[in-house]
Amino acid sequence: MECTFCQIVSGKTPTHFLFQNDKVVVFKDINPHAPVHLLVVPKKHIRSINDLNDDEREIVSEMIMTAKQMAKKMAVHKSGYRLFFNVERGGGQIIFHLHLHLIGGW
């Protein structure tokens, strides 16, 4: 079975993208923990941080720079926001497709 985020990235769900380019997509978390809670997801399936290869370093940079742009677009760049990865089940990862959380807006 294809992972949830792979289905979203491939357009198999009605998910609205706030941003996308050739490497990542951004959409709202369906279970938000803050007024602004976005997910930055690579289009390429990478299971978790633990599964990154050296040749995939660029994707993490792309995710962080995209999150920075989205923080500005969502007007939380000045008030502050958090960026974080959950890694493996013990670290809170529920969907095993690499993704970066952007939360803020309190």
Protein backbone atom coordinates (compact mmCIF):
# COMPACT_ATOMS: atom_id res chain seq x y z
CA MET A 1 0.00 0.00 0.00
CA GLU A 2 1.28 3.43 -0.95
CA CYS A 3 1.93 5.77 1.98
CA THR A 4 -0.49 8.59 2.79
CA PHE A 5 1.93 11.36 1.81
CA CYS A 6 2.83 9.62 -1.47
CA GLN A 7 -0.90 9.59 -2.27
CA ILE A 8 -1.15 13.30 -1.43
CA VAL A 9 1.96 14.22 -3.44
CA SER A 10 0.71 12.28 -6.48
CA GLY A 11 -2.67 14.03 -6.42
CA LYS A 12 -4.72 10.99 -5.37
CA THR A 13 -6.35 12.99 -2.57
CA PRO A 14 -8.15 16.36 -2.67
CA THR A 15 -5.41 18.01 -0.59
CA HIS A 16 -4.93 21.71 -1.28
CA PHE A 17 -1.27 22.66 -1.72
CA LEU A 18 -0.27 26.04 -0.35
CA PHE A 19 2.99 25.70 -2.28
CA GLN A 20 4.73 23.23 -4.53
CA ASN A 21 7.79 23.04 -6.70
CA ASP A 22 9.69 20.17 -8.32
CA LYS A 23 10.98 18.90 -4.92
CA VAL A 24 8.41 19.62 -2.19
CA VAL A 25 4.76 20.30 -1.45
CA VAL A 26 3.27 22.23 1.48
CA PHE A 27 -0.18 21.71 2.95
CA LYS A 28 -2.03 22.20 6.23
CA ASP A 29 -1.82 19.50 8.89
CA ILE A 30 -5.24 17.85 9.29
CA ASN A 31 -4.71 17.70 13.07
CA PRO A 32 -3.21 21.13 13.81
CA HIS A 33 -1.42 21.82 17.09
CA ALA A 34 -1.22 25.58 16.51
CA PRO A 35 -3.11 28.28 14.58
CA VAL A 36 -0.59 27.72 11.77
CA HIS A 37 0.49 24.10 11.33
CA LEU A 38 1.92 23.24 7.93
CA LEU A 39 3.73 20.20 6.61
CA VAL A 40 6.60 20.47 4.15
CA VAL A 41 6.85 17.13 2.35
CA PRO A 42 9.37 16.01 -0.25
CA LYS A 43 7.88 14.60 -3.43
CA LYS A 44 10.40 11.78 -3.29
CA HIS A 45 9.51 9.07 -0.80
CA ILE A 46 12.09 9.02 1.98
CA ARG A 47 10.92 7.04 5.01
CA SER A 48 12.49 9.21 7.74
CA ILE A 49 15.54 11.26 8.67
CA ASN A 50 17.25 7.94 9.46
CA ASP A 51 16.83 6.86 5.83
CA LEU A 52 18.42 9.93 4.21
CA ASN A 53 21.41 9.24 1.98
CA ASP A 54 24.31 11.62 1.45
CA ASP A 55 23.00 12.45 -2.03
CA GLU A 56 19.68 13.59 -0.48
CA ARG A 57 21.15 16.36 1.68
CA GLU A 58 19.76 18.97 -0.71
CA ILE A 59 16.16 17.96 0.03
CA VAL A 60 16.50 18.88 3.73
CA SER A 61 17.84 22.30 2.77
CA GLU A 62 14.95 22.72 0.31
CA MET A 63 12.46 21.80 3.02
CA ILE A 64 13.90 24.30 5.51
CA MET A 65 14.12 27.14 2.99
CA THR A 66 10.55 26.42 1.86
CA ALA A 67 9.38 26.49 5.48
CA LYS A 68 11.08 29.86 5.92
CA GLN A 69 9.19 31.23 2.89
CA MET A 70 5.91 29.76 4.14
CA ALA A 71 6.39 31.32 7.59
CA LYS A 72 6.60 34.69 5.89
CA LYS A 73 3.57 33.93 3.68
CA MET A 74 1.56 32.90 6.76
CA ALA A 75 2.73 36.04 8.63
CA VAL A 76 4.39 34.20 11.53
CA HIS A 77 7.97 35.02 10.55
CA LYS A 78 8.21 37.97 12.94
CA SER A 79 6.21 36.59 15.87
CA GLY A 80 8.09 33.28 15.73
CA TYR A 81 7.54 29.68 14.77
CA ARG A 82 8.92 26.18 15.27
CA LEU A 83 10.33 23.78 12.70
CA PHE A 84 10.71 20.13 13.62
CA PHE A 85 11.02 16.59 12.32
CA ASN A 86 9.56 13.65 14.23
CA VAL A 87 11.90 10.67 13.75
CA GLU A 88 10.64 7.11 14.17
CA ARG A 89 7.70 6.03 16.31
CA GLY A 90 9.48 6.86 19.60
CA GLY A 91 10.06 10.40 18.32
CA GLY A 92 6.42 10.88 17.39
CA GLN A 93 6.56 9.96 13.69
CA ILE A 94 3.19 8.54 12.63
CA ILE A 95 3.44 8.73 8.83
CA PHE A 96 6.64 7.19 7.56
CA HIS A 97 7.42 9.67 4.80
CA LEU A 98 9.87 12.41 5.71
CA HIS A 99 8.13 15.69 6.58
CA LEU A 100 8.89 18.95 8.34
CA HIS A 101 6.37 20.60 10.66
CA LEU A 102 6.02 24.40 10.74
CA ILE A 103 3.94 25.61 13.66
CA GLY A 104 3.24 29.10 14.96
CA GLY A 105 0.67 31.82 15.21
CA TRP A 106 0.01 31.86 18.94
